[in-house]
Amino acid sequence: MSDPSTIFDKTDPTTPGYYGSSRTALLLLDFHSMIVQKAGGPKALAALRVAANMRAWAKSQGIQVIHALIDLNTSTFETCRGAEKLTETIASARSSGGEEAIELSEGSSDDVTFTRKPGHVSALRSPGLDNFLRQNDIKSLVITGLSTSGCVMRTAVAATDAEYVATVISDGCADPDEAVHDIMINKILNTRGYVTTAAEFQDGFRKAQGVE
């Protein structure tokens, strides 16, 4: 976990505290119903609830909400390892539980959604997403999703390489293996980006923006 006192320095452009609502986006990654119910691990439902709370809070702050999902109607790419198994999983998702969890999809008229080809793990591989962020001068990405060691980690790393500030909401993510989740949260994701809880992020962001 990151030290909250270092995350919300409004004078430091390497931290999310430097960027206001208009330059911040909340990413909701791969909260497909099937993943929540079957593949996200024992804390997937709790992570979904935190993500839903973050979404409501972000909308109240004027922060852009972005849904990043797997395109279940597209095939994997030729060099995708494990493509056969992934294709079977996608087919199963299409028949039951492929849609985004209703907790995140209700009232989403102001949100935007991007989808990506199965096998592409980072949300930044979603066609149009990077252009959308740059055209809207968004610099700080706040990340939730399933799973921590999959789309969350790969998106966070890709985001820092693409010169965004990346913050992972630790309780807004989950992994099938809780030990792996803990390693990602405590050892890996905070090496170049930031890791904090939803409550700490909301509190720190408000204070950094001068809203008590």
Protein backbone atom coordinates (compact mmCIF):
# COMPACT_ATOMS: atom_id res chain seq x y z
CA MET A 1 0.00 0.00 0.00
CA SER A 2 1.14 3.56 -0.66
CA ASP A 3 1.55 6.20 2.04
CA PRO A 4 -1.54 8.44 1.74
CA SER A 5 0.57 11.49 2.55
CA THR A 6 2.58 10.96 -0.64
CA ILE A 7 -0.38 10.28 -2.96
CA PHE A 8 -2.21 13.59 -2.72
CA ASP A 9 0.51 16.19 -3.11
CA LYS A 10 -1.18 18.80 -5.27
CA THR A 11 2.21 20.30 -6.20
CA ASP A 12 3.62 17.01 -7.55
CA PRO A 13 2.57 15.99 -11.10
CA THR A 14 3.61 12.38 -10.43
CA THR A 15 0.72 11.95 -7.97
CA PRO A 16 -3.07 11.77 -8.48
CA GLY A 17 -3.50 14.66 -6.03
CA TYR A 18 -2.09 17.01 -8.67
CA TYR A 19 -4.98 16.40 -11.06
CA GLY A 20 -8.52 17.65 -10.61
CA SER A 21 -11.75 15.93 -11.52
CA SER A 22 -11.62 16.91 -15.19
CA ARG A 23 -8.21 15.24 -15.64
CA THR A 24 -9.08 12.06 -13.71
CA ALA A 25 -10.88 8.92 -14.87
CA LEU A 26 -12.18 5.90 -12.99
CA LEU A 27 -11.64 2.61 -14.84
CA LEU A 28 -13.96 -0.35 -14.18
CA LEU A 29 -12.21 -3.38 -15.65
CA ASP A 30 -13.85 -6.67 -16.65
CA PHE A 31 -16.69 -6.74 -14.17
CA HIS A 32 -18.57 -9.22 -16.36
CA SER A 33 -21.23 -11.04 -14.34
CA MET A 34 -19.64 -14.41 -15.09
CA ILE A 35 -16.25 -13.26 -13.82
CA VAL A 36 -17.79 -11.87 -10.64
CA GLN A 37 -19.73 -15.07 -10.01
CA LYS A 38 -17.30 -17.75 -11.14
CA ALA A 39 -13.78 -16.57 -11.86
CA GLY A 40 -13.04 -13.54 -9.73
CA GLY A 41 -12.28 -15.31 -6.49
CA PRO A 42 -13.91 -15.23 -3.05
CA LYS A 43 -13.72 -11.44 -2.73
CA ALA A 44 -15.01 -10.60 -6.21
CA LEU A 45 -18.46 -9.56 -5.00
CA ALA A 46 -16.95 -7.32 -2.32
CA ALA A 47 -14.70 -5.73 -4.95
CA LEU A 48 -17.72 -5.15 -7.18
CA ARG A 49 -19.52 -3.35 -4.36
CA VAL A 50 -16.49 -1.12 -3.75
CA ALA A 51 -16.26 -0.39 -7.48
CA ALA A 52 -19.95 0.55 -7.54
CA ASN A 53 -19.39 2.90 -4.61
CA MET A 54 -16.38 4.42 -6.37
CA ARG A 55 -18.47 4.91 -9.50
CA ALA A 56 -21.20 6.76 -7.62
CA TRP A 57 -18.61 8.91 -5.87
CA ALA A 58 -16.73 9.64 -9.12
CA LYS A 59 -19.91 10.76 -10.84
CA SER A 60 -20.68 13.08 -7.91
CA GLN A 61 -17.23 14.64 -8.36
CA GLY A 62 -17.47 15.06 -12.12
CA ILE A 63 -14.84 12.38 -12.73
CA GLN A 64 -15.16 10.48 -16.02
CA VAL A 65 -16.24 6.86 -15.55
CA ILE A 66 -14.92 4.36 -18.09
CA HIS A 67 -16.09 0.76 -18.43
CA ALA A 68 -13.46 -1.50 -20.03
CA LEU A 69 -14.76 -4.91 -21.04
CA ILE A 70 -13.87 -7.94 -23.15
CA ASP A 71 -15.57 -8.04 -26.54
CA LEU A 72 -17.31 -11.40 -26.37
CA ASN A 73 -18.24 -11.28 -30.05
CA THR A 74 -14.66 -11.17 -31.33
CA SER A 75 -12.15 -13.98 -31.77
CA THR A 76 -8.74 -14.14 -30.13
CA PHE A 77 -5.64 -13.25 -32.11
CA GLU A 78 -3.50 -15.84 -33.87
CA THR A 79 -0.57 -15.84 -31.43
CA CYS A 80 -2.71 -15.89 -28.26
CA ARG A 81 -1.44 -18.62 -25.95
CA GLY A 82 -4.24 -20.80 -24.62
CA ALA A 83 -6.62 -19.50 -27.28
CA GLU A 84 -8.70 -22.70 -27.34
CA LYS A 85 -9.47 -22.59 -23.64
CA LEU A 86 -10.10 -18.85 -23.77
CA THR A 87 -12.48 -19.30 -26.69
CA GLU A 88 -14.45 -21.88 -24.70
CA THR A 89 -14.65 -19.47 -21.76
CA ILE A 90 -15.84 -16.65 -24.00
CA ALA A 91 -18.50 -18.89 -25.54
CA SER A 92 -19.71 -19.84 -22.07
CA ALA A 93 -19.81 -16.17 -21.07
CA ARG A 94 -21.85 -15.29 -24.14
CA SER A 95 -24.48 -17.85 -23.23
CA SER A 96 -24.71 -16.84 -19.57
CA GLY A 97 -23.27 -13.96 -17.62
CA GLY A 98 -21.37 -12.14 -20.33
CA GLU A 99 -22.94 -8.78 -19.61
CA GLU A 100 -21.45 -6.31 -17.16
CA ALA A 101 -22.68 -6.65 -13.58
CA ILE A 102 -25.89 -4.67 -13.15
CA GLU A 103 -24.43 -2.81 -10.16
CA LEU A 104 -22.18 -0.97 -12.63
CA SER A 105 -24.36 -0.81 -15.72
CA GLU A 106 -27.42 0.96 -14.32
CA GLY A 107 -27.69 4.68 -15.02
CA SER A 108 -24.59 4.76 -17.20
CA SER A 109 -25.67 7.41 -19.71
CA ASP A 110 -22.74 9.69 -18.81
CA ASP A 111 -20.22 6.84 -18.74
CA VAL A 112 -18.25 5.56 -21.72
CA THR A 113 -17.46 1.94 -22.58
CA PHE A 114 -14.54 0.45 -24.51
CA THR A 115 -14.09 -3.20 -25.43
CA ARG A 116 -11.03 -5.18 -26.47
CA LYS A 117 -10.24 -8.41 -28.22
CA PRO A 118 -10.10 -11.54 -26.00
CA GLY A 119 -6.48 -12.24 -25.13
CA HIS A 120 -5.58 -8.56 -24.84
CA VAL A 121 -5.29 -8.12 -21.09
CA SER A 122 -4.53 -4.42 -20.68
CA ALA A 123 -7.55 -2.15 -21.07
CA LEU A 124 -5.33 0.27 -22.95
CA ARG A 125 -5.42 -2.19 -25.86
CA SER A 126 -9.10 -1.27 -26.26
CA PRO A 127 -9.45 0.56 -29.59
CA GLY A 128 -10.06 4.24 -29.01
CA LEU A 129 -9.44 4.33 -25.26
CA ASP A 130 -6.01 5.94 -25.29
CA ASN A 131 -7.17 8.52 -27.85
CA PHE A 132 -10.22 9.31 -25.71
CA LEU A 133 -8.05 9.89 -22.65
CA ARG A 134 -5.63 12.15 -24.49
CA GLN A 135 -8.33 14.12 -26.31
CA ASN A 136 -9.98 14.82 -22.95
CA ASP A 137 -6.66 15.71 -21.30
CA ILE A 138 -7.08 12.94 -18.73
CA LYS A 139 -3.82 12.15 -16.97
CA SER A 140 -4.74 10.29 -13.77
CA LEU A 141 -6.29 6.81 -13.96
CA VAL A 142 -7.97 5.23 -10.94
CA ILE A 143 -8.24 1.48 -11.47
CA THR A 144 -10.61 -1.19 -10.18
CA GLY A 145 -11.27 -4.62 -11.67
CA LEU A 146 -11.09 -8.38 -11.89
CA SER A 147 -8.54 -9.76 -11.64
CA THR A 148 -5.73 -8.06 -9.74
CA SER A 149 -3.00 -10.14 -11.38
CA GLY A 150 -4.64 -9.89 -14.80
CA CYS A 151 -6.28 -6.79 -16.25
CA VAL A 152 -5.58 -4.59 -13.22
CA MET A 153 -1.85 -5.25 -13.15
CA ARG A 154 -1.44 -5.18 -16.92
CA THR A 155 -3.46 -1.96 -17.27
CA ALA A 156 -1.60 -0.24 -14.44
CA VAL A 157 1.81 -1.12 -15.90
CA ALA A 158 0.76 -0.12 -19.42
CA ALA A 159 -0.66 3.14 -18.06
CA THR A 160 2.60 4.17 -16.40
CA ASP A 161 4.50 3.29 -19.58
CA ALA A 162 2.05 5.52 -21.47
CA GLU A 163 2.84 8.37 -19.04
CA TYR A 164 -0.38 8.31 -17.04
CA VAL A 165 -0.51 8.41 -13.25
CA ALA A 166 -1.99 5.06 -12.16
CA THR A 167 -3.70 4.40 -8.84
CA VAL A 168 -5.09 0.96 -7.99
CA ILE A 169 -7.96 0.77 -5.51
CA SER A 170 -6.94 -2.25 -3.44
CA ASP A 171 -10.40 -3.19 -2.16
CA GLY A 172 -11.93 -2.57 -5.58
CA CYS A 173 -9.95 -5.49 -7.03
CA ALA A 174 -9.88 -9.22 -6.41
CA ASP A 175 -8.06 -12.30 -7.65
CA PRO A 176 -8.90 -16.02 -7.71
CA ASP A 177 -5.81 -16.53 -5.53
CA GLU A 178 -5.92 -14.20 -2.53
CA ALA A 179 -2.20 -14.67 -1.88
CA VAL A 180 -1.47 -13.43 -5.40
CA HIS A 181 -3.75 -10.44 -4.81
CA ASP A 182 -1.81 -9.59 -1.65
CA ILE A 183 1.55 -9.82 -3.44
CA MET A 184 0.30 -7.58 -6.25
CA ILE A 185 -1.09 -5.00 -3.83
CA ASN A 186 1.80 -4.97 -1.37
CA LYS A 187 4.84 -5.72 -3.52
CA ILE A 188 4.28 -4.94 -7.19
CA LEU A 189 1.62 -2.38 -8.07
CA ASN A 190 3.01 0.34 -5.82
CA THR A 191 6.49 0.26 -7.36
CA ARG A 192 5.60 2.70 -10.16
CA GLY A 193 2.02 3.64 -9.44
CA TYR A 194 -0.01 4.00 -6.26
CA VAL A 195 -2.18 1.63 -4.23
CA THR A 196 -4.81 2.76 -1.75
CA THR A 197 -8.28 1.87 -0.50
CA ALA A 198 -11.42 3.45 -1.87
CA ALA A 199 -12.06 5.36 1.36
CA GLU A 200 -8.50 6.70 1.51
CA PHE A 201 -8.62 7.79 -2.13
CA GLN A 202 -11.93 9.60 -1.78
CA ASP A 203 -10.82 11.38 1.40
CA GLY A 204 -7.40 12.33 0.04
CA PHE A 205 -8.77 13.51 -3.29
CA ARG A 206 -11.35 15.76 -1.65
CA LYS A 207 -8.73 17.33 0.60
CA ALA A 208 -6.29 17.83 -2.27
CA GLN A 209 -9.02 19.62 -4.22
CA GLY A 210 -9.92 21.76 -1.21
CA VAL A 211 -13.30 20.09 -0.63
CA GLU A 212 -13.85 19.00 2.98
